[in-house]
Amino acid sequence: MSDSTPRNQSAPFATEPSGDDGRKPSVTKRGGGPPATRGRTTIADGVVEKIAGLAARDVLGVYALGSGMSRTFGAVRERVPGTTRSVSRGVKAEVGEVQTALDLEIVVDYGVSITQVAAAVRENVIAAVERMTGLEVVEVNIAVSDVKLPDEEDEEDRDARVQ
């Protein structure tokens, strides 16, 4: 190829000449900014609900999520072959472009401080959702729908005996 041959102007990369220090030439990509800023990422409500549900269940003193009725239906639904446990039961998320708001319904163990459990759930949920999604959590509303007494039978245990 001679020096008079024109260079291809539609090449995907433009190179800069290397310096006298022997380094490789740097490559500059075309296309309007860093790759991370090209395009849009959307996060479904269900994704945030699953993250929040798992984070809430990690808190000591949380017995379950969801109301008694939703837990009963969930226990029956989980018995159907091919279905999995719903980690988002008792969690509702509203997701915007940069923010999210969450509503959780929890059942706490008897004897724990409900205010301390709620504060710990709120803190754990906010940390997990913000870390994993990059969304700002504007509020986490917690409704305590029941208290699990030590002598109460689990719905799952009751369903397991009736076959």
C-alpha atoms as a PDB file:
ATOM      1  CA  MET A   1       0.000   0.000   0.000  1.00  0.00           C
ATOM      2  CA  SER A   2       1.495   3.307  -1.014  1.00  0.00           C
ATOM      3  CA  ASP A   3       1.307   6.616   0.853  1.00  0.00           C
ATOM      4  CA  SER A   4      -0.961   8.033  -1.828  1.00  0.00           C
ATOM      5  CA  THR A   5      -3.704   5.459  -1.137  1.00  0.00           C
ATOM      6  CA  PRO A   6      -6.591   7.106   0.787  1.00  0.00           C
ATOM      7  CA  ARG A   7      -7.399   5.642   4.178  1.00  0.00           C
ATOM      8  CA  ASN A   8     -10.775   4.075   4.871  1.00  0.00           C
ATOM      9  CA  GLN A   9     -12.841   6.779   6.592  1.00  0.00           C
ATOM     10  CA  SER A  10     -15.535   4.372   7.794  1.00  0.00           C
ATOM     11  CA  ALA A  11     -13.250   2.371  10.072  1.00  0.00           C
ATOM     12  CA  PRO A  12     -14.904   1.583  13.405  1.00  0.00           C
ATOM     13  CA  PHE A  13     -11.880   2.716  15.412  1.00  0.00           C
ATOM     14  CA  ALA A  14      -9.640   5.714  15.096  1.00  0.00           C
ATOM     15  CA  THR A  15      -6.087   5.282  16.295  1.00  0.00           C
ATOM     16  CA  GLU A  16      -3.707   7.867  17.548  1.00  0.00           C
ATOM     17  CA  PRO A  17      -0.019   7.541  16.754  1.00  0.00           C
ATOM     18  CA  SER A  18       2.083   6.033  19.486  1.00  0.00           C
ATOM     19  CA  GLY A  19       4.595   8.081  21.338  1.00  0.00           C
ATOM     20  CA  ASP A  20       8.323   7.572  21.234  1.00  0.00           C
ATOM     21  CA  ASP A  21       8.136   5.514  24.416  1.00  0.00           C
ATOM     22  CA  GLY A  22       7.074   2.367  22.504  1.00  0.00           C
ATOM     23  CA  ARG A  23       3.523   2.092  23.898  1.00  0.00           C
ATOM     24  CA  LYS A  24       0.691   0.706  21.804  1.00  0.00           C
ATOM     25  CA  PRO A  25      -1.465   3.282  20.094  1.00  0.00           C
ATOM     26  CA  SER A  26      -4.595   4.150  22.084  1.00  0.00           C
ATOM     27  CA  VAL A  27      -7.931   3.193  20.589  1.00  0.00           C
ATOM     28  CA  THR A  28     -10.839   5.609  20.712  1.00  0.00           C
ATOM     29  CA  LYS A  29     -14.298   4.222  20.041  1.00  0.00           C
ATOM     30  CA  ARG A  30     -16.771   6.279  18.099  1.00  0.00           C
ATOM     31  CA  GLY A  31     -20.364   6.666  19.140  1.00  0.00           C
ATOM     32  CA  GLY A  32     -20.977   9.452  21.603  1.00  0.00           C
ATOM     33  CA  GLY A  33     -19.588   8.821  25.024  1.00  0.00           C
ATOM     34  CA  PRO A  34     -18.677   5.963  27.303  1.00  0.00           C
ATOM     35  CA  PRO A  35     -20.379   2.629  26.590  1.00  0.00           C
ATOM     36  CA  ALA A  36     -22.178   2.672  29.944  1.00  0.00           C
ATOM     37  CA  THR A  37     -24.153   5.757  28.905  1.00  0.00           C
ATOM     38  CA  ARG A  38     -25.372   4.384  25.582  1.00  0.00           C
ATOM     39  CA  GLY A  39     -28.858   3.001  25.974  1.00  0.00           C
ATOM     40  CA  ARG A  40     -31.416   2.568  28.711  1.00  0.00           C
ATOM     41  CA  THR A  41     -31.818  -0.023  31.433  1.00  0.00           C
ATOM     42  CA  THR A  42     -35.260  -0.752  32.803  1.00  0.00           C
ATOM     43  CA  ILE A  43     -35.914  -2.809  35.905  1.00  0.00           C
ATOM     44  CA  ALA A  44     -39.228  -4.603  36.321  1.00  0.00           C
ATOM     45  CA  ASP A  45     -41.284  -4.231  39.479  1.00  0.00           C
ATOM     46  CA  GLY A  46     -40.957  -7.980  40.096  1.00  0.00           C
ATOM     47  CA  VAL A  47     -37.166  -7.769  40.180  1.00  0.00           C
ATOM     48  CA  VAL A  48     -37.238  -5.127  42.912  1.00  0.00           C
ATOM     49  CA  GLU A  49     -39.929  -7.109  44.767  1.00  0.00           C
ATOM     50  CA  LYS A  50     -37.761 -10.244  44.805  1.00  0.00           C
ATOM     51  CA  ILE A  51     -34.702  -8.361  46.028  1.00  0.00           C
ATOM     52  CA  ALA A  52     -36.731  -6.664  48.771  1.00  0.00           C
ATOM     53  CA  GLY A  53     -38.420  -9.923  49.784  1.00  0.00           C
ATOM     54  CA  LEU A  54     -35.130 -11.754  50.181  1.00  0.00           C
ATOM     55  CA  ALA A  55     -33.583  -8.838  52.078  1.00  0.00           C
ATOM     56  CA  ALA A  56     -36.566  -8.616  54.451  1.00  0.00           C
ATOM     57  CA  ARG A  57     -36.474 -12.358  55.195  1.00  0.00           C
ATOM     58  CA  ASP A  58     -32.805 -12.042  56.216  1.00  0.00           C
ATOM     59  CA  VAL A  59     -33.738  -9.892  59.223  1.00  0.00           C
ATOM     60  CA  LEU A  60     -33.907 -11.659  62.584  1.00  0.00           C
ATOM     61  CA  GLY A  61     -37.433 -11.475  63.967  1.00  0.00           C
ATOM     62  CA  VAL A  62     -39.213 -11.659  60.603  1.00  0.00           C
ATOM     63  CA  TYR A  63     -41.212 -14.876  60.569  1.00  0.00           C
ATOM     64  CA  ALA A  64     -42.807 -14.477  57.125  1.00  0.00           C
ATOM     65  CA  LEU A  65     -43.975 -11.998  54.530  1.00  0.00           C
ATOM     66  CA  GLY A  66     -47.564 -11.525  53.408  1.00  0.00           C
ATOM     67  CA  SER A  67     -50.933 -11.738  55.102  1.00  0.00           C
ATOM     68  CA  GLY A  68     -52.316 -14.979  56.485  1.00  0.00           C
ATOM     69  CA  MET A  69     -54.482 -15.461  53.394  1.00  0.00           C
ATOM     70  CA  SER A  70     -51.636 -14.926  50.917  1.00  0.00           C
ATOM     71  CA  ARG A  71     -49.402 -17.279  52.899  1.00  0.00           C
ATOM     72  CA  THR A  72     -52.124 -19.945  52.873  1.00  0.00           C
ATOM     73  CA  PHE A  73     -52.626 -19.634  49.125  1.00  0.00           C
ATOM     74  CA  GLY A  74     -48.868 -19.605  48.643  1.00  0.00           C
ATOM     75  CA  ALA A  75     -48.456 -22.817  50.638  1.00  0.00           C
ATOM     76  CA  VAL A  76     -51.092 -24.524  48.478  1.00  0.00           C
ATOM     77  CA  ARG A  77     -49.562 -23.132  45.262  1.00  0.00           C
ATOM     78  CA  GLU A  78     -46.107 -24.400  46.262  1.00  0.00           C
ATOM     79  CA  ARG A  79     -47.456 -27.962  46.461  1.00  0.00           C
ATOM     80  CA  VAL A  80     -48.182 -27.926  42.716  1.00  0.00           C
ATOM     81  CA  PRO A  81     -45.360 -29.710  40.883  1.00  0.00           C
ATOM     82  CA  GLY A  82     -43.149 -27.364  38.903  1.00  0.00           C
ATOM     83  CA  THR A  83     -43.855 -24.264  40.971  1.00  0.00           C
ATOM     84  CA  THR A  84     -41.380 -22.539  43.225  1.00  0.00           C
ATOM     85  CA  ARG A  85     -41.673 -20.594  46.444  1.00  0.00           C
ATOM     86  CA  SER A  86     -42.653 -16.971  45.891  1.00  0.00           C
ATOM     87  CA  VAL A  87     -39.984 -14.743  47.390  1.00  0.00           C
ATOM     88  CA  SER A  88     -41.943 -11.621  46.498  1.00  0.00           C
ATOM     89  CA  ARG A  89     -45.104 -12.558  48.443  1.00  0.00           C
ATOM     90  CA  GLY A  90     -46.023  -9.652  50.716  1.00  0.00           C
ATOM     91  CA  VAL A  91     -43.972  -7.127  48.725  1.00  0.00           C
ATOM     92  CA  LYS A  92     -45.279  -4.488  46.327  1.00  0.00           C
ATOM     93  CA  ALA A  93     -42.924  -2.196  44.404  1.00  0.00           C
ATOM     94  CA  GLU A  94     -43.536   0.837  42.255  1.00  0.00           C
ATOM     95  CA  VAL A  95     -40.516   1.397  40.043  1.00  0.00           C
ATOM     96  CA  GLY A  96     -39.793   4.587  38.141  1.00  0.00           C
ATOM     97  CA  GLU A  97     -36.808   5.512  36.011  1.00  0.00           C
ATOM     98  CA  VAL A  98     -34.508   6.406  38.911  1.00  0.00           C
ATOM     99  CA  GLN A  99     -36.568   5.814  42.070  1.00  0.00           C
ATOM    100  CA  THR A 100     -38.663   3.110  43.691  1.00  0.00           C
ATOM    101  CA  ALA A 101     -41.112   2.858  46.573  1.00  0.00           C
ATOM    102  CA  LEU A 102     -41.896  -0.353  48.435  1.00  0.00           C
ATOM    103  CA  ASP A 103     -44.732  -1.694  50.581  1.00  0.00           C
ATOM    104  CA  LEU A 104     -44.048  -4.786  52.702  1.00  0.00           C
ATOM    105  CA  GLU A 105     -46.422  -6.847  54.788  1.00  0.00           C
ATOM    106  CA  ILE A 106     -44.607  -8.870  57.433  1.00  0.00           C
ATOM    107  CA  VAL A 107     -45.278 -11.302  60.253  1.00  0.00           C
ATOM    108  CA  VAL A 108     -42.946 -10.971  63.218  1.00  0.00           C
ATOM    109  CA  ASP A 109     -41.931 -13.496  65.845  1.00  0.00           C
ATOM    110  CA  TYR A 110     -43.512 -13.040  69.265  1.00  0.00           C
ATOM    111  CA  GLY A 111     -41.265 -11.269  71.765  1.00  0.00           C
ATOM    112  CA  VAL A 112     -39.259  -9.119  69.369  1.00  0.00           C
ATOM    113  CA  SER A 113     -39.432  -5.344  69.271  1.00  0.00           C
ATOM    114  CA  ILE A 114     -41.634  -4.571  66.284  1.00  0.00           C
ATOM    115  CA  THR A 115     -40.131  -1.103  65.860  1.00  0.00           C
ATOM    116  CA  GLN A 116     -36.587  -2.511  65.861  1.00  0.00           C
ATOM    117  CA  VAL A 117     -37.497  -5.276  63.408  1.00  0.00           C
ATOM    118  CA  ALA A 118     -39.231  -2.773  61.111  1.00  0.00           C
ATOM    119  CA  ALA A 119     -36.215  -0.444  61.232  1.00  0.00           C
ATOM    120  CA  ALA A 120     -33.845  -3.339  60.473  1.00  0.00           C
ATOM    121  CA  VAL A 121     -36.054  -4.531  57.590  1.00  0.00           C
ATOM    122  CA  ARG A 122     -36.211  -1.011  56.170  1.00  0.00           C
ATOM    123  CA  GLU A 123     -32.427  -0.614  56.403  1.00  0.00           C
ATOM    124  CA  ASN A 124     -31.673  -4.028  54.873  1.00  0.00           C
ATOM    125  CA  VAL A 125     -34.182  -3.613  52.042  1.00  0.00           C
ATOM    126  CA  ILE A 126     -32.952  -0.131  51.125  1.00  0.00           C
ATOM    127  CA  ALA A 127     -29.307  -1.249  51.124  1.00  0.00           C
ATOM    128  CA  ALA A 128     -29.989  -4.327  48.980  1.00  0.00           C
ATOM    129  CA  VAL A 129     -32.257  -2.630  46.443  1.00  0.00           C
ATOM    130  CA  GLU A 130     -30.026   0.421  46.006  1.00  0.00           C
ATOM    131  CA  ARG A 131     -26.860  -1.686  45.742  1.00  0.00           C
ATOM    132  CA  MET A 132     -28.272  -4.149  43.229  1.00  0.00           C
ATOM    133  CA  THR A 133     -30.413  -1.855  41.068  1.00  0.00           C
ATOM    134  CA  GLY A 134     -28.913   1.609  41.410  1.00  0.00           C
ATOM    135  CA  LEU A 135     -32.423   2.949  42.049  1.00  0.00           C
ATOM    136  CA  GLU A 136     -33.022   5.409  44.857  1.00  0.00           C
ATOM    137  CA  VAL A 137     -35.439   3.947  47.402  1.00  0.00           C
ATOM    138  CA  VAL A 138     -37.683   6.830  48.430  1.00  0.00           C
ATOM    139  CA  GLU A 139     -39.768   4.918  50.972  1.00  0.00           C
ATOM    140  CA  VAL A 140     -40.303   1.516  52.497  1.00  0.00           C
ATOM    141  CA  ASN A 141     -43.703   1.181  54.146  1.00  0.00           C
ATOM    142  CA  ILE A 142     -44.050  -1.770  56.501  1.00  0.00           C
ATOM    143  CA  ALA A 143     -47.331  -3.231  57.704  1.00  0.00           C
ATOM    144  CA  VAL A 144     -47.110  -5.814  60.474  1.00  0.00           C
ATOM    145  CA  SER A 145     -50.076  -8.094  59.809  1.00  0.00           C
ATOM    146  CA  ASP A 146     -49.513 -10.777  62.445  1.00  0.00           C
ATOM    147  CA  VAL A 147     -47.347 -12.060  65.274  1.00  0.00           C
ATOM    148  CA  LYS A 148     -46.152 -15.677  65.205  1.00  0.00           C
ATOM    149  CA  LEU A 149     -46.736 -17.171  68.633  1.00  0.00           C
ATOM    150  CA  PRO A 150     -44.360 -19.926  69.767  1.00  0.00           C
ATOM    151  CA  ASP A 151     -47.143 -22.508  70.173  1.00  0.00           C
ATOM    152  CA  GLU A 152     -48.861 -21.782  66.837  1.00  0.00           C
ATOM    153  CA  GLU A 153     -48.733 -24.437  64.165  1.00  0.00           C
ATOM    154  CA  ASP A 154     -47.230 -23.460  60.809  1.00  0.00           C
ATOM    155  CA  GLU A 155     -49.584 -23.490  57.811  1.00  0.00           C
ATOM    156  CA  GLU A 156     -46.950 -25.436  55.899  1.00  0.00           C
ATOM    157  CA  ASP A 157     -46.804 -28.110  58.627  1.00  0.00           C
ATOM    158  CA  ARG A 158     -50.590 -28.437  58.690  1.00  0.00           C
ATOM    159  CA  ASP A 159     -50.731 -28.843  54.886  1.00  0.00           C
ATOM    160  CA  ALA A 160     -47.974 -31.464  54.962  1.00  0.00           C
ATOM    161  CA  ARG A 161     -49.989 -33.784  57.225  1.00  0.00           C
ATOM    162  CA  VAL A 162     -53.154 -33.640  55.132  1.00  0.00           C
ATOM    163  CA  GLN A 163     -52.539 -35.643  51.973  1.00  0.00           C
END
